[in-house]
Amino acid sequence: MKYFRAIIAGALVWLCVSISFTVLESVPQIKDSLNLQSFFVCLLLVPFAIFGASIFYRNGNKEKGLKVGLIMGITALLLDTVITVPFVEMPKGGSYQSFFSYPALWLMVLINLTTVFFFWKLKIEDR
């Protein structure tokens, strides 16, 4: 298993999601609704996860998609723990509890995991 490669892919997906939230926070019709921002990020997460999976599976890697998706998701959650919550959420009055109890976060983790799994299933498994 190429753990480092999966961690890099997860970090890139996390970066894309973070940038998306930052951009959406400046869109007038969306900036005041976290649910609306989360909806758009959930839609964008599919191509972001495909991008991350394509980076991992480059050079002939064949590791099972569920395992890769889990590593990518855990990487993103760890980056949220050390970067997003203390440097973005806490200055806005948020907390670890409010961040990690937000249902859309876990939906995003599930979307990432499912997308990487299906990428592996459709493009890698039978190669």
Protein backbone atom coordinates (compact mmCIF):
# COMPACT_ATOMS: atom_id res chain seq x y z
CA MET A 1 0.00 0.00 0.00
CA LYS A 2 1.28 3.42 -0.91
CA TYR A 3 0.18 5.19 2.28
CA PHE A 4 2.08 8.38 1.52
CA ARG A 5 0.40 8.64 -1.88
CA ALA A 6 -3.05 8.14 -0.32
CA ILE A 7 -2.30 10.77 2.32
CA ILE A 8 -1.19 13.25 -0.37
CA ALA A 9 -4.36 12.54 -2.35
CA GLY A 10 -6.48 13.09 0.78
CA ALA A 11 -4.64 16.34 1.53
CA LEU A 12 -5.28 17.58 -2.01
CA VAL A 13 -8.99 16.77 -1.72
CA TRP A 14 -9.08 18.55 1.65
CA LEU A 15 -7.36 21.57 0.07
CA CYS A 16 -9.90 21.67 -2.77
CA VAL A 17 -12.79 21.49 -0.29
CA SER A 18 -11.24 24.21 1.90
CA ILE A 19 -10.75 26.51 -1.08
CA SER A 20 -14.33 25.85 -2.18
CA PHE A 21 -15.71 26.88 1.22
CA THR A 22 -13.50 29.98 1.19
CA VAL A 23 -14.75 31.00 -2.25
CA LEU A 24 -18.39 30.26 -1.39
CA GLU A 25 -18.11 32.42 1.73
CA SER A 26 -17.70 35.43 -0.55
CA VAL A 27 -20.66 34.69 -2.87
CA PRO A 28 -23.47 37.08 -1.84
CA GLN A 29 -26.42 34.68 -2.09
CA ILE A 30 -24.59 31.82 -0.40
CA LYS A 31 -22.27 33.36 2.20
CA ASP A 32 -24.86 33.45 4.99
CA SER A 33 -25.98 29.83 4.65
CA LEU A 34 -23.62 27.07 5.76
CA ASN A 35 -26.14 24.50 4.55
CA LEU A 36 -26.13 25.97 1.04
CA GLN A 37 -22.33 26.15 1.01
CA SER A 38 -22.19 22.52 2.15
CA PHE A 39 -24.63 21.52 -0.59
CA PHE A 40 -22.41 22.99 -3.29
CA VAL A 41 -19.27 21.51 -1.75
CA CYS A 42 -20.95 18.08 -1.66
CA LEU A 43 -21.56 18.41 -5.39
CA LEU A 44 -17.97 19.51 -6.01
CA LEU A 45 -16.62 16.75 -3.81
CA VAL A 46 -17.31 14.10 -6.45
CA PRO A 47 -14.85 15.57 -8.99
CA PHE A 48 -12.41 16.40 -6.18
CA ALA A 49 -12.47 12.77 -4.98
CA ILE A 50 -12.08 11.51 -8.55
CA PHE A 51 -9.07 13.82 -8.87
CA GLY A 52 -7.58 12.45 -5.64
CA ALA A 53 -8.27 8.85 -6.66
CA SER A 54 -6.71 9.39 -10.08
CA ILE A 55 -3.56 10.69 -8.37
CA PHE A 56 -3.41 7.67 -6.09
CA TYR A 57 -4.07 5.11 -8.83
CA ARG A 58 -1.57 6.61 -11.24
CA ASN A 59 1.41 4.33 -11.90
CA GLY A 60 -0.56 1.10 -11.63
CA ASN A 61 -1.64 1.07 -7.97
CA LYS A 62 -4.46 -1.41 -7.43
CA GLU A 63 -5.20 -1.06 -3.70
CA LYS A 64 -8.86 -1.54 -2.81
CA GLY A 65 -10.90 1.63 -3.11
CA LEU A 66 -12.50 1.38 0.31
CA LYS A 67 -9.10 1.35 2.02
CA VAL A 68 -7.82 4.26 -0.08
CA GLY A 69 -11.01 6.24 0.52
CA LEU A 70 -10.73 5.67 4.28
CA ILE A 71 -7.13 6.88 4.35
CA MET A 72 -8.05 9.94 2.28
CA GLY A 73 -11.01 10.69 4.58
CA ILE A 74 -8.98 10.24 7.77
CA THR A 75 -6.30 12.52 6.34
CA ALA A 76 -8.88 15.23 5.64
CA LEU A 77 -10.36 14.87 9.14
CA LEU A 78 -6.90 15.14 10.71
CA LEU A 79 -6.20 18.28 8.68
CA ASP A 80 -9.54 19.66 9.85
CA THR A 81 -8.49 18.93 13.42
CA VAL A 82 -5.13 20.70 13.22
CA ILE A 83 -5.87 23.48 10.71
CA THR A 84 -9.54 24.14 9.93
CA VAL A 85 -11.00 24.14 13.43
CA PRO A 86 -8.30 26.13 15.27
CA PHE A 87 -7.54 28.63 12.50
CA VAL A 88 -10.91 29.01 10.73
CA GLU A 89 -13.77 27.85 12.95
CA MET A 90 -12.60 28.98 16.39
CA PRO A 91 -11.97 32.59 15.32
CA LYS A 92 -15.57 32.65 14.06
CA GLY A 93 -16.84 31.39 17.41
CA GLY A 94 -17.05 27.70 16.49
CA SER A 95 -15.63 24.75 18.37
CA TYR A 96 -14.43 21.23 17.76
CA GLN A 97 -17.79 19.95 18.95
CA SER A 98 -19.81 22.15 16.60
CA PHE A 99 -17.54 21.34 13.66
CA PHE A 100 -17.44 17.58 14.13
CA SER A 101 -21.12 17.27 15.00
CA TYR A 102 -22.24 18.99 11.79
CA PRO A 103 -23.98 16.24 9.74
CA ALA A 104 -22.80 17.63 6.38
CA LEU A 105 -19.19 16.94 7.38
CA TRP A 106 -19.94 13.24 7.72
CA LEU A 107 -21.92 13.30 4.49
CA MET A 108 -18.83 14.71 2.76
CA VAL A 109 -16.68 11.94 4.25
CA LEU A 110 -19.18 9.39 2.95
CA ILE A 111 -19.31 11.00 -0.52
CA ASN A 112 -15.51 10.94 -0.72
CA LEU A 113 -15.34 7.31 0.42
CA THR A 114 -18.08 6.22 -2.00
CA THR A 115 -16.59 8.11 -4.94
CA VAL A 116 -13.12 6.63 -4.42
CA PHE A 117 -14.63 3.16 -4.04
CA PHE A 118 -16.60 3.44 -7.28
CA PHE A 119 -13.60 4.94 -9.09
CA TRP A 120 -11.60 1.87 -8.07
CA LYS A 121 -14.49 -0.49 -8.91
CA LEU A 122 -15.09 0.96 -12.38
CA LYS A 123 -11.56 1.84 -13.49
CA ILE A 124 -9.03 -0.16 -11.49
CA GLU A 125 -10.38 -3.45 -10.16
CA ASP A 126 -10.41 -5.34 -13.47
CA ARG A 127 -7.25 -3.86 -14.95
